[in-house]
Amino acid sequence: MADFNPRQILKGVPGIFKGNFIPFRVAKINDTHLTADLNHPLSRKTLDLEFRIIDSRISSRERGGTSTDWLAVPFAGRDQIFEGRRSGDEPT
Protein backbone atom coordinates (compact mmCIF):
# COMPACT_ATOMS: atom_id res chain seq x y z
CA MET A 1 0.00 0.00 0.00
CA ALA A 2 2.95 2.37 -0.44
CA ASP A 3 2.15 3.31 -4.06
CA PHE A 4 0.85 6.78 -4.79
CA ASN A 5 -2.22 7.35 -6.95
CA PRO A 6 -3.70 10.53 -8.47
CA ARG A 7 -6.41 12.05 -6.26
CA GLN A 8 -8.83 12.18 -9.20
CA ILE A 9 -9.65 8.49 -8.67
CA LEU A 10 -11.34 9.37 -5.35
CA LYS A 11 -15.02 9.85 -6.20
CA GLY A 12 -17.47 11.82 -4.07
CA VAL A 13 -14.80 13.37 -1.84
CA PRO A 14 -15.27 17.13 -1.23
CA GLY A 15 -12.44 19.18 -2.73
CA ILE A 16 -11.22 16.39 -5.04
CA PHE A 17 -12.00 16.97 -8.71
CA LYS A 18 -11.46 15.23 -12.04
CA GLY A 19 -8.03 16.12 -13.33
CA ASN A 20 -6.48 16.38 -9.84
CA PHE A 21 -3.18 14.57 -10.26
CA ILE A 22 -1.81 15.44 -6.82
CA PRO A 23 -0.71 12.11 -5.32
CA PHE A 24 -2.25 10.31 -2.36
CA ARG A 25 -1.45 7.03 -0.67
CA VAL A 26 -3.90 4.36 0.45
CA ALA A 27 -3.02 4.00 4.13
CA LYS A 28 -5.59 1.37 5.10
CA ILE A 29 -8.39 -0.48 3.37
CA ASN A 30 -11.08 -2.92 4.50
CA ASP A 31 -14.42 -4.17 3.15
CA THR A 32 -16.25 -0.87 3.64
CA HIS A 33 -13.70 1.92 4.12
CA LEU A 34 -10.53 3.30 2.61
CA THR A 35 -8.20 5.56 4.57
CA ALA A 36 -6.33 7.95 2.29
CA ASP A 37 -3.10 9.73 3.24
CA LEU A 38 -3.27 13.08 1.41
CA ASN A 39 0.10 14.32 2.68
CA HIS A 40 2.85 15.06 0.19
CA PRO A 41 4.94 11.95 -0.60
CA LEU A 42 8.03 13.61 0.88
CA SER A 43 6.30 14.71 4.09
CA ARG A 44 7.77 11.84 6.10
CA LYS A 45 11.31 12.52 4.92
CA THR A 46 13.73 14.34 7.18
CA LEU A 47 15.04 17.54 5.67
CA ASP A 48 18.37 18.80 6.98
CA LEU A 49 19.37 22.29 5.88
CA GLU A 50 22.68 24.02 6.24
CA PHE A 51 23.07 27.68 5.45
CA ARG A 52 25.34 30.60 6.15
CA ILE A 53 24.52 34.27 6.36
CA ILE A 54 26.61 36.15 3.83
CA ASP A 55 25.42 39.67 4.57
CA SER A 56 23.10 41.43 6.97
CA ARG A 57 21.96 45.05 6.89
CA ILE A 58 19.22 47.27 8.20
CA SER A 59 16.66 48.16 5.56
CA SER A 60 16.41 51.83 4.73
CA ARG A 61 12.80 51.61 3.55
CA GLU A 62 9.65 49.66 4.25
CA ARG A 63 9.35 46.50 2.13
CA GLY A 64 6.09 45.13 3.51
CA GLY A 65 3.12 44.13 1.44
CA THR A 66 -0.24 45.76 1.09
CA SER A 67 -3.77 44.70 1.85
CA THR A 68 -6.97 45.92 0.23
CA ASP A 69 -10.19 46.09 2.22
CA TRP A 70 -12.48 45.20 -0.69
CA LEU A 71 -15.60 45.94 1.35
CA ALA A 72 -14.48 49.54 1.81
CA VAL A 73 -13.47 50.18 -1.82
CA PRO A 74 -16.97 51.09 -3.11
CA PHE A 75 -17.32 53.61 -0.28
CA ALA A 76 -13.89 55.25 -0.54
CA GLY A 77 -14.12 59.01 -0.11
CA ARG A 78 -17.61 58.96 1.39
CA ASP A 79 -18.39 60.21 4.88
CA GLN A 80 -20.96 57.50 5.48
CA ILE A 81 -20.58 53.86 4.63
CA PHE A 82 -24.13 52.75 5.41
CA GLU A 83 -27.14 54.84 4.67
CA GLY A 84 -30.58 54.36 6.10
CA ARG A 85 -33.63 56.29 7.18
CA ARG A 86 -33.93 57.23 10.81
CA SER A 87 -36.65 58.80 12.86
CA GLY A 88 -35.03 60.20 15.96
CA ASP A 89 -33.01 57.46 17.60
CA GLU A 90 -34.90 54.59 15.92
CA PRO A 91 -34.24 53.24 12.41
CA THR A 92 -37.31 53.14 10.16
PDB file of N, CA and C in Angstrom:
ATOM      1  N   MET A   1       0.812  -1.199   0.000  1.00  0.00           N
ATOM      2  CA  MET A   1       0.000   0.000   0.000  1.00  0.00           C
ATOM      3  C   MET A   1       0.856   1.265   0.000  1.00  0.00           C
ATOM      4  N   ALA A   2       2.080   1.201  -0.455  1.00  0.00           N
ATOM      5  CA  ALA A   2       2.946   2.372  -0.445  1.00  0.00           C
ATOM      6  C   ALA A   2       2.914   3.140  -1.755  1.00  0.00           C
ATOM      7  N   ASP A   3       2.219   2.624  -2.775  1.00  0.00           N
ATOM      8  CA  ASP A   3       2.154   3.313  -4.055  1.00  0.00           C
ATOM      9  C   ASP A   3       1.294   4.568  -3.947  1.00  0.00           C
ATOM     10  N   PHE A   4       1.615   5.538  -4.761  1.00  0.00           N
ATOM     11  CA  PHE A   4       0.845   6.778  -4.792  1.00  0.00           C
ATOM     12  C   PHE A   4      -0.024   6.791  -6.039  1.00  0.00           C
ATOM     13  N   ASN A   5      -1.241   7.290  -5.889  1.00  0.00           N
ATOM     14  CA  ASN A   5      -2.224   7.352  -6.955  1.00  0.00           C
ATOM     15  C   ASN A   5      -2.686   8.790  -7.118  1.00  0.00           C
ATOM     16  N   PRO A   6      -3.176   9.176  -8.311  1.00  0.00           N
ATOM     17  CA  PRO A   6      -3.705  10.531  -8.465  1.00  0.00           C
ATOM     18  C   PRO A   6      -5.023  10.673  -7.711  1.00  0.00           C
ATOM     19  N   ARG A   7      -5.208  11.825  -7.060  1.00  0.00           N
ATOM     20  CA  ARG A   7      -6.415  12.052  -6.257  1.00  0.00           C
ATOM     21  C   ARG A   7      -7.695  11.978  -7.075  1.00  0.00           C
ATOM     22  N   GLN A   8      -7.624  12.178  -8.374  1.00  0.00           N
ATOM     23  CA  GLN A   8      -8.829  12.184  -9.198  1.00  0.00           C
ATOM     24  C   GLN A   8      -9.579  10.860  -9.163  1.00  0.00           C
ATOM     25  N   ILE A   9      -8.937   9.778  -8.725  1.00  0.00           N
ATOM     26  CA  ILE A   9      -9.649   8.494  -8.673  1.00  0.00           C
ATOM     27  C   ILE A   9     -10.561   8.398  -7.456  1.00  0.00           C
ATOM     28  N   LEU A  10     -10.443   9.342  -6.510  1.00  0.00           N
ATOM     29  CA  LEU A  10     -11.338   9.369  -5.347  1.00  0.00           C
ATOM     30  C   LEU A  10     -12.644  10.035  -5.773  1.00  0.00           C
ATOM     31  N   LYS A  11     -13.719   9.317  -5.766  1.00  0.00           N
ATOM     32  CA  LYS A  11     -15.016   9.849  -6.204  1.00  0.00           C
ATOM     33  C   LYS A  11     -15.852  10.259  -4.996  1.00  0.00           C
ATOM     34  N   GLY A  12     -16.565  11.365  -5.113  1.00  0.00           N
ATOM     35  CA  GLY A  12     -17.472  11.815  -4.067  1.00  0.00           C
ATOM     36  C   GLY A  12     -16.791  12.388  -2.843  1.00  0.00           C
ATOM     37  N   VAL A  13     -15.531  12.784  -2.960  1.00  0.00           N
ATOM     38  CA  VAL A  13     -14.798  13.367  -1.839  1.00  0.00           C
ATOM     39  C   VAL A  13     -14.768  14.880  -2.040  1.00  0.00           C
ATOM     40  N   PRO A  14     -15.266  15.671  -1.076  1.00  0.00           N
ATOM     41  CA  PRO A  14     -15.267  17.132  -1.226  1.00  0.00           C
ATOM     42  C   PRO A  14     -13.856  17.660  -1.477  1.00  0.00           C
ATOM     43  N   GLY A  15     -13.727  18.561  -2.434  1.00  0.00           N
ATOM     44  CA  GLY A  15     -12.442  19.179  -2.733  1.00  0.00           C
ATOM     45  C   GLY A  15     -11.562  18.383  -3.672  1.00  0.00           C
ATOM     46  N   ILE A  16     -11.987  17.200  -4.099  1.00  0.00           N
ATOM     47  CA  ILE A  16     -11.224  16.387  -5.042  1.00  0.00           C
ATOM     48  C   ILE A  16     -11.985  16.383  -6.363  1.00  0.00           C
ATOM     49  N   PHE A  17     -11.331  16.806  -7.439  1.00  0.00           N
ATOM     50  CA  PHE A  17     -12.001  16.967  -8.714  1.00  0.00           C
ATOM     51  C   PHE A  17     -11.299  16.174  -9.804  1.00  0.00           C
ATOM     52  N   LYS A  18     -12.019  15.892 -10.879  1.00  0.00           N
ATOM     53  CA  LYS A  18     -11.456  15.227 -12.040  1.00  0.00           C
ATOM     54  C   LYS A  18     -10.283  16.059 -12.545  1.00  0.00           C
ATOM     55  N   GLY A  19      -9.208  15.414 -12.862  1.00  0.00           N
ATOM     56  CA  GLY A  19      -8.026  16.122 -13.330  1.00  0.00           C
ATOM     57  C   GLY A  19      -7.060  16.483 -12.222  1.00  0.00           C
ATOM     58  N   ASN A  20      -7.366  16.110 -10.973  1.00  0.00           N
ATOM     59  CA  ASN A  20      -6.481  16.384  -9.840  1.00  0.00           C
ATOM     60  C   ASN A  20      -5.441  15.270  -9.772  1.00  0.00           C
ATOM     61  N   PHE A  21      -4.237  15.572 -10.214  1.00  0.00           N
ATOM     62  CA  PHE A  21      -3.180  14.566 -10.263  1.00  0.00           C
ATOM     63  C   PHE A  21      -2.253  14.620  -9.044  1.00  0.00           C
ATOM     64  N   ILE A  22      -2.607  15.400  -8.041  1.00  0.00           N
ATOM     65  CA  ILE A  22      -1.806  15.435  -6.818  1.00  0.00           C
ATOM     66  C   ILE A  22      -1.860  14.041  -6.194  1.00  0.00           C
ATOM     67  N   PRO A  23      -0.717  13.495  -5.787  1.00  0.00           N
ATOM     68  CA  PRO A  23      -0.706  12.110  -5.319  1.00  0.00           C
ATOM     69  C   PRO A  23      -1.297  11.926  -3.923  1.00  0.00           C
ATOM     70  N   PHE A  24      -1.845  10.741  -3.699  1.00  0.00           N
ATOM     71  CA  PHE A  24      -2.254  10.313  -2.364  1.00  0.00           C
ATOM     72  C   PHE A  24      -1.868   8.852  -2.209  1.00  0.00           C
ATOM     73  N   ARG A  25      -1.820   8.406  -0.974  1.00  0.00           N
ATOM     74  CA  ARG A  25      -1.446   7.031  -0.665  1.00  0.00           C
ATOM     75  C   ARG A  25      -2.592   6.363   0.074  1.00  0.00           C
ATOM     76  N   VAL A  26      -2.902   5.127  -0.284  1.00  0.00           N
ATOM     77  CA  VAL A  26      -3.896   4.356   0.450  1.00  0.00           C
ATOM     78  C   VAL A  26      -3.209   3.848   1.716  1.00  0.00           C
ATOM     79  N   ALA A  27      -3.643   4.362   2.867  1.00  0.00           N
ATOM     80  CA  ALA A  27      -3.016   3.997   4.134  1.00  0.00           C
ATOM     81  C   ALA A  27      -3.604   2.712   4.707  1.00  0.00           C
ATOM     82  N   LYS A  28      -4.918   2.557   4.549  1.00  0.00           N
ATOM     83  CA  LYS A  28      -5.586   1.373   5.102  1.00  0.00           C
ATOM     84  C   LYS A  28      -6.834   1.123   4.286  1.00  0.00           C
ATOM     85  N   ILE A  29      -7.186  -0.135   4.120  1.00  0.00           N
ATOM     86  CA  ILE A  29      -8.387  -0.484   3.374  1.00  0.00           C
ATOM     87  C   ILE A  29      -9.020  -1.723   3.995  1.00  0.00           C
ATOM     88  N   ASN A  30     -10.356  -1.723   4.065  1.00  0.00           N
ATOM     89  CA  ASN A  30     -11.083  -2.915   4.503  1.00  0.00           C
ATOM     90  C   ASN A  30     -12.307  -3.072   3.608  1.00  0.00           C
ATOM     91  N   ASP A  31     -13.257  -3.893   4.005  1.00  0.00           N
ATOM     92  CA  ASP A  31     -14.415  -4.175   3.146  1.00  0.00           C
ATOM     93  C   ASP A  31     -15.286  -2.948   2.874  1.00  0.00           C
ATOM     94  N   THR A  32     -15.331  -1.994   3.785  1.00  0.00           N
ATOM     95  CA  THR A  32     -16.254  -0.866   3.635  1.00  0.00           C
ATOM     96  C   THR A  32     -15.585   0.501   3.600  1.00  0.00           C
ATOM     97  N   HIS A  33     -14.346   0.611   4.015  1.00  0.00           N
ATOM     98  CA  HIS A  33     -13.699   1.922   4.120  1.00  0.00           C
ATOM     99  C   HIS A  33     -12.294   1.905   3.525  1.00  0.00           C
ATOM    100  N   LEU A  34     -11.891   3.087   3.077  1.00  0.00           N
ATOM    101  CA  LEU A  34     -10.532   3.303   2.607  1.00  0.00           C
ATOM    102  C   LEU A  34     -10.009   4.529   3.353  1.00  0.00           C
ATOM    103  N   THR A  35      -8.835   4.425   3.917  1.00  0.00           N
ATOM    104  CA  THR A  35      -8.203   5.564   4.573  1.00  0.00           C
ATOM    105  C   THR A  35      -7.122   6.087   3.647  1.00  0.00           C
ATOM    106  N   ALA A  36      -7.259   7.342   3.240  1.00  0.00           N
ATOM    107  CA  ALA A  36      -6.326   7.951   2.295  1.00  0.00           C
ATOM    108  C   ALA A  36      -5.396   8.903   3.035  1.00  0.00           C
ATOM    109  N   ASP A  37      -4.104   8.805   2.717  1.00  0.00           N
ATOM    110  CA  ASP A  37      -3.096   9.727   3.236  1.00  0.00           C
ATOM    111  C   ASP A  37      -2.879  10.775   2.163  1.00  0.00           C
ATOM    112  N   LEU A  38      -3.362  12.009   2.403  1.00  0.00           N
ATOM    113  CA  LEU A  38      -3.268  13.078   1.413  1.00  0.00           C
ATOM    114  C   LEU A  38      -2.027  13.949   1.595  1.00  0.00           C
ATOM    115  N   ASN A  39      -1.136  13.558   2.496  1.00  0.00           N
ATOM    116  CA  ASN A  39       0.098  14.317   2.684  1.00  0.00           C
ATOM    117  C   ASN A  39       0.995  14.168   1.463  1.00  0.00           C
ATOM    118  N   HIS A  40       1.885  15.128   1.281  1.00  0.00           N
ATOM    119  CA  HIS A  40       2.850  15.065   0.189  1.00  0.00           C
ATOM    120  C   HIS A  40       3.728  13.825   0.368  1.00  0.00           C
ATOM    121  N   PRO A  41       4.119  13.159  -0.718  1.00  0.00           N
ATOM    122  CA  PRO A  41       4.944  11.950  -0.602  1.00  0.00           C
ATOM    123  C   PRO A  41       6.250  12.157   0.159  1.00  0.00           C
ATOM    124  N   LEU A  42       6.781  13.364   0.159  1.00  0.00           N
ATOM    125  CA  LEU A  42       8.033  13.612   0.878  1.00  0.00           C
ATOM    126  C   LEU A  42       7.813  14.103   2.305  1.00  0.00           C
ATOM    127  N   SER A  43       6.577  14.128   2.765  1.00  0.00           N
ATOM    128  CA  SER A  43       6.295  14.708   4.086  1.00  0.00           C
ATOM    129  C   SER A  43       6.903  13.906   5.228  1.00  0.00           C
ATOM    130  N   ARG A  44       7.179  12.648   5.029  1.00  0.00           N
ATOM    131  CA  ARG A  44       7.770  11.839   6.102  1.00  0.00           C
ATOM    132  C   ARG A  44       9.288  11.821   6.045  1.00  0.00           C
ATOM    133  N   LYS A  45       9.851  12.489   5.066  1.00  0.00           N
ATOM    134  CA  LYS A  45      11.308  12.521   4.923  1.00  0.00           C
ATOM    135  C   LYS A  45      11.884  13.620   5.804  1.00  0.00           C
ATOM    136  N   THR A  46      13.032  13.348   6.379  1.00  0.00           N
ATOM    137  CA  THR A  46      13.734  14.341   7.181  1.00  0.00           C
ATOM    138  C   THR A  46      14.484  15.277   6.246  1.00  0.00           C
ATOM    139  N   LEU A  47      14.368  16.545   6.489  1.00  0.00           N
ATOM    140  CA  LEU A  47      15.039  17.537   5.672  1.00  0.00           C
ATOM    141  C   LEU A  47      16.037  18.278   6.552  1.00  0.00           C
ATOM    142  N   ASP A  48      17.318  18.111   6.253  1.00  0.00           N
ATOM    143  CA  ASP A  48      18.374  18.804   6.981  1.00  0.00           C
ATOM    144  C   ASP A  48      18.912  19.925   6.100  1.00  0.00           C
ATOM    145  N   LEU A  49      18.883  21.133   6.623  1.00  0.00           N
ATOM    146  CA  LEU A  49      19.367  22.288   5.882  1.00  0.00           C
ATOM    147  C   LEU A  49      20.585  22.871   6.549  1.00  0.00           C
ATOM    148  N   GLU A  50      21.525  23.277   5.747  1.00  0.00           N
ATOM    149  CA  GLU A  50      22.675  24.020   6.240  1.00  0.00           C
ATOM    150  C   GLU A  50      22.728  25.314   5.448  1.00  0.00           C
ATOM    151  N   PHE A  51      22.983  26.400   6.135  1.00  0.00           N
ATOM    152  CA  PHE A  51      23.071  27.683   5.449  1.00  0.00           C
ATOM    153  C   PHE A  51      24.045  28.565   6.192  1.00  0.00           C
ATOM    154  N   ARG A  52      24.496  29.610   5.492  1.00  0.00           N
ATOM    155  CA  ARG A  52      25.340  30.605   6.145  1.00  0.00           C
ATOM    156  C   ARG A  52      24.865  31.973   5.719  1.00  0.00           C
ATOM    157  N   ILE A  53      24.925  32.899   6.625  1.00  0.00           N
ATOM    158  CA  ILE A  53      24.521  34.275   6.360  1.00  0.00           C
ATOM    159  C   ILE A  53      25.715  34.985   5.749  1.00  0.00           C
ATOM    160  N   ILE A  54      25.525  35.478   4.547  1.00  0.00           N
ATOM    161  CA  ILE A  54      26.606  36.149   3.831  1.00  0.00           C
ATOM    162  C   ILE A  54      26.647  37.630   4.167  1.00  0.00           C
ATOM    163  N   ASP A  55      25.469  38.232   4.320  1.00  0.00           N
ATOM    164  CA  ASP A  55      25.421  39.672   4.566  1.00  0.00           C
ATOM    165  C   ASP A  55      24.174  39.979   5.368  1.00  0.00           C
ATOM    166  N   SER A  56      24.238  40.980   6.192  1.00  0.00           N
ATOM    167  CA  SER A  56      23.104  41.434   6.970  1.00  0.00           C
ATOM    168  C   SER A  56      23.159  42.949   7.050  1.00  0.00           C
ATOM    169  N   ARG A  57      22.007  43.591   6.810  1.00  0.00           N
ATOM    170  CA  ARG A  57      21.963  45.046   6.892  1.00  0.00           C
ATOM    171  C   ARG A  57      20.575  45.492   7.305  1.00  0.00           C
ATOM    172  N   ILE A  58      20.497  46.689   7.805  1.00  0.00           N
ATOM    173  CA  ILE A  58      19.220  47.273   8.196  1.00  0.00           C
ATOM    174  C   ILE A  58      18.596  47.913   6.965  1.00  0.00           C
ATOM    175  N   SER A  59      17.360  47.617   6.726  1.00  0.00           N
ATOM    176  CA  SER A  59      16.657  48.158   5.565  1.00  0.00           C
ATOM    177  C   SER A  59      16.425  49.646   5.740  1.00  0.00           C
ATOM    178  N   SER A  60      16.610  50.389   4.655  1.00  0.00           N
ATOM    179  CA  SER A  60      16.412  51.831   4.733  1.00  0.00           C
ATOM    180  C   SER A  60      14.994  52.238   4.365  1.00  0.00           C
ATOM    181  N   ARG A  61      14.191  51.296   3.887  1.00  0.00           N
ATOM    182  CA  ARG A  61      12.804  51.612   3.552  1.00  0.00           C
ATOM    183  C   ARG A  61      11.908  50.413   3.862  1.00  0.00           C
ATOM    184  N   GLU A  62      10.634  50.697   3.955  1.00  0.00           N
ATOM    185  CA  GLU A  62       9.649  49.662   4.246  1.00  0.00           C
ATOM    186  C   GLU A  62       9.494  48.753   3.026  1.00  0.00           C
ATOM    187  N   ARG A  63       9.518  47.444   3.231  1.00  0.00           N
ATOM    188  CA  ARG A  63       9.354  46.502   2.130  1.00  0.00           C
ATOM    189  C   ARG A  63       8.159  45.577   2.355  1.00  0.00           C
ATOM    190  N   GLY A  64       7.249  45.966   3.222  1.00  0.00           N
ATOM    191  CA  GLY A  64       6.093  45.134   3.512  1.00  0.00           C
ATOM    192  C   GLY A  64       5.091  45.130   2.381  1.00  0.00           C
ATOM    193  N   GLY A  65       4.152  44.236   2.455  1.00  0.00           N
ATOM    194  CA  GLY A  65       3.123  44.127   1.435  1.00  0.00           C
ATOM    195  C   GLY A  65       1.966  45.073   1.711  1.00  0.00           C
ATOM    196  N   THR A  66       0.946  44.947   0.914  1.00  0.00           N
ATOM    197  CA  THR A  66      -0.241  45.764   1.094  1.00  0.00           C
ATOM    198  C   THR A  66      -1.465  44.868   1.200  1.00  0.00           C
ATOM    199  N   SER A  67      -2.507  45.425   1.712  1.00  0.00           N
ATOM    200  CA  SER A  67      -3.765  44.695   1.847  1.00  0.00           C
ATOM    201  C   SER A  67      -4.892  45.632   1.430  1.00  0.00           C
ATOM    202  N   THR A  68      -5.837  45.113   0.672  1.00  0.00           N
ATOM    203  CA  THR A  68      -6.970  45.919   0.232  1.00  0.00           C
ATOM    204  C   THR A  68      -8.221  45.466   0.952  1.00  0.00           C
ATOM    205  N   ASP A  69      -8.905  46.391   1.593  1.00  0.00           N
ATOM    206  CA  ASP A  69     -10.193  46.094   2.223  1.00  0.00           C
ATOM    207  C   ASP A  69     -11.250  46.248   1.142  1.00  0.00           C
ATOM    208  N   TRP A  70     -11.584  45.154   0.469  1.00  0.00           N
ATOM    209  CA  TRP A  70     -12.476  45.204  -0.686  1.00  0.00           C
ATOM    210  C   TRP A  70     -13.887  45.625  -0.314  1.00  0.00           C
ATOM    211  N   LEU A  71     -14.279  45.477   0.939  1.00  0.00           N
ATOM    212  CA  LEU A  71     -15.597  45.945   1.352  1.00  0.00           C
ATOM    213  C   LEU A  71     -15.657  47.460   1.441  1.00  0.00           C
ATOM    214  N   ALA A  72     -14.512  48.091   1.674  1.00  0.00           N
ATOM    215  CA  ALA A  72     -14.482  49.544   1.811  1.00  0.00           C
ATOM    216  C   ALA A  72     -14.264  50.256   0.475  1.00  0.00           C
ATOM    217  N   VAL A  73     -13.790  49.542  -0.543  1.00  0.00           N
ATOM    218  CA  VAL A  73     -13.466  50.178  -1.823  1.00  0.00           C
ATOM    219  C   VAL A  73     -14.652  50.926  -2.429  1.00  0.00           C
ATOM    220  N   PRO A  74     -15.861  50.352  -2.492  1.00  0.00           N
ATOM    221  CA  PRO A  74     -16.973  51.095  -3.105  1.00  0.00           C
ATOM    222  C   PRO A  74     -17.339  52.376  -2.355  1.00  0.00           C
ATOM    223  N   PHE A  75     -16.934  52.467  -1.101  1.00  0.00           N
ATOM    224  CA  PHE A  75     -17.318  53.606  -0.280  1.00  0.00           C
ATOM    225  C   PHE A  75     -16.166  54.585  -0.058  1.00  0.00           C
ATOM    226  N   ALA A  76     -15.069  54.396  -0.745  1.00  0.00           N
ATOM    227  CA  ALA A  76     -13.894  55.246  -0.545  1.00  0.00           C
ATOM    228  C   ALA A  76     -14.245  56.699  -0.831  1.00  0.00           C
ATOM    229  N   GLY A  77     -13.870  57.588   0.056  1.00  0.00           N
ATOM    230  CA  GLY A  77     -14.117  59.008  -0.111  1.00  0.00           C
ATOM    231  C   GLY A  77     -15.470  59.471   0.392  1.00  0.00           C
ATOM    232  N   ARG A  78     -16.313  58.572   0.847  1.00  0.00           N
ATOM    233  CA  ARG A  78     -17.615  58.961   1.389  1.00  0.00           C
ATOM    234  C   ARG A  78     -17.511  59.148   2.892  1.00  0.00           C
ATOM    235  N   ASP A  79     -18.365  60.020   3.427  1.00  0.00           N
ATOM    236  CA  ASP A  79     -18.393  60.214   4.878  1.00  0.00           C
ATOM    237  C   ASP A  79     -19.144  59.088   5.563  1.00  0.00           C
ATOM    238  N   GLN A  80     -20.159  58.571   4.903  1.00  0.00           N
ATOM    239  CA  GLN A  80     -20.957  57.498   5.483  1.00  0.00           C
ATOM    240  C   GLN A  80     -20.775  56.242   4.649  1.00  0.00           C
ATOM    241  N   ILE A  81     -20.678  55.124   5.330  1.00  0.00           N
ATOM    242  CA  ILE A  81     -20.584  53.856   4.627  1.00  0.00           C
ATOM    243  C   ILE A  81     -21.973  53.271   4.437  1.00  0.00           C
ATOM    244  N   PHE A  82     -22.783  53.303   5.477  1.00  0.00           N
ATOM    245  CA  PHE A  82     -24.127  52.745   5.412  1.00  0.00           C
ATOM    246  C   PHE A  82     -25.139  53.877   5.514  1.00  0.00           C
ATOM    247  N   GLU A  83     -26.110  53.826   4.649  1.00  0.00           N
ATOM    248  CA  GLU A  83     -27.139  54.841   4.672  1.00  0.00           C
ATOM    249  C   GLU A  83     -28.471  54.192   4.993  1.00  0.00           C
ATOM    250  N   GLY A  84     -29.260  54.859   5.757  1.00  0.00           N
ATOM    251  CA  GLY A  84     -30.581  54.357   6.099  1.00  0.00           C
ATOM    252  C   GLY A  84     -31.432  55.474   6.657  1.00  0.00           C
ATOM    253  N   ARG A  85     -32.727  55.269   6.644  1.00  0.00           N
ATOM    254  CA  ARG A  85     -33.625  56.290   7.178  1.00  0.00           C
ATOM    255  C   ARG A  85     -33.741  56.126   8.681  1.00  0.00           C
ATOM    256  N   ARG A  86     -33.791  57.250   9.357  1.00  0.00           N
ATOM    257  CA  ARG A  86     -33.933  57.226  10.810  1.00  0.00           C
ATOM    258  C   ARG A  86     -34.995  58.215  11.218  1.00  0.00           C
ATOM    259  N   SER A  87     -35.680  57.882  12.275  1.00  0.00           N
ATOM    260  CA  SER A  87     -36.648  58.795  12.862  1.00  0.00           C
ATOM    261  C   SER A  87     -36.254  58.955  14.314  1.00  0.00           C
ATOM    262  N   GLY A  88     -35.550  60.041  14.607  1.00  0.00           N
ATOM    263  CA  GLY A  88     -35.031  60.204  15.960  1.00  0.00           C
ATOM    264  C   GLY A  88     -33.909  59.214  16.207  1.00  0.00           C
ATOM    265  N   ASP A  89     -34.025  58.446  17.287  1.00  0.00           N
ATOM    266  CA  ASP A  89     -33.006  57.458  17.599  1.00  0.00           C
ATOM    267  C   ASP A  89     -33.321  56.081  17.026  1.00  0.00           C
ATOM    268  N   GLU A  90     -34.476  55.902  16.412  1.00  0.00           N
ATOM    269  CA  GLU A  90     -34.898  54.593  15.921  1.00  0.00           C
ATOM    270  C   GLU A  90     -34.804  54.505  14.407  1.00  0.00           C
ATOM    271  N   PRO A  91     -34.211  53.433  13.879  1.00  0.00           N
ATOM    272  CA  PRO A  91     -34.235  53.243  12.414  1.00  0.00           C
ATOM    273  C   PRO A  91     -35.644  52.978  11.947  1.00  0.00           C
ATOM    274  N   THR A  92     -35.977  53.392  10.712  1.00  0.00           N
ATOM    275  CA  THR A  92     -37.313  53.141  10.163  1.00  0.00           C
ATOM    276  C   THR A  92     -37.293  52.058   9.133  1.00  0.00           C
TER     277      THR A  92
END
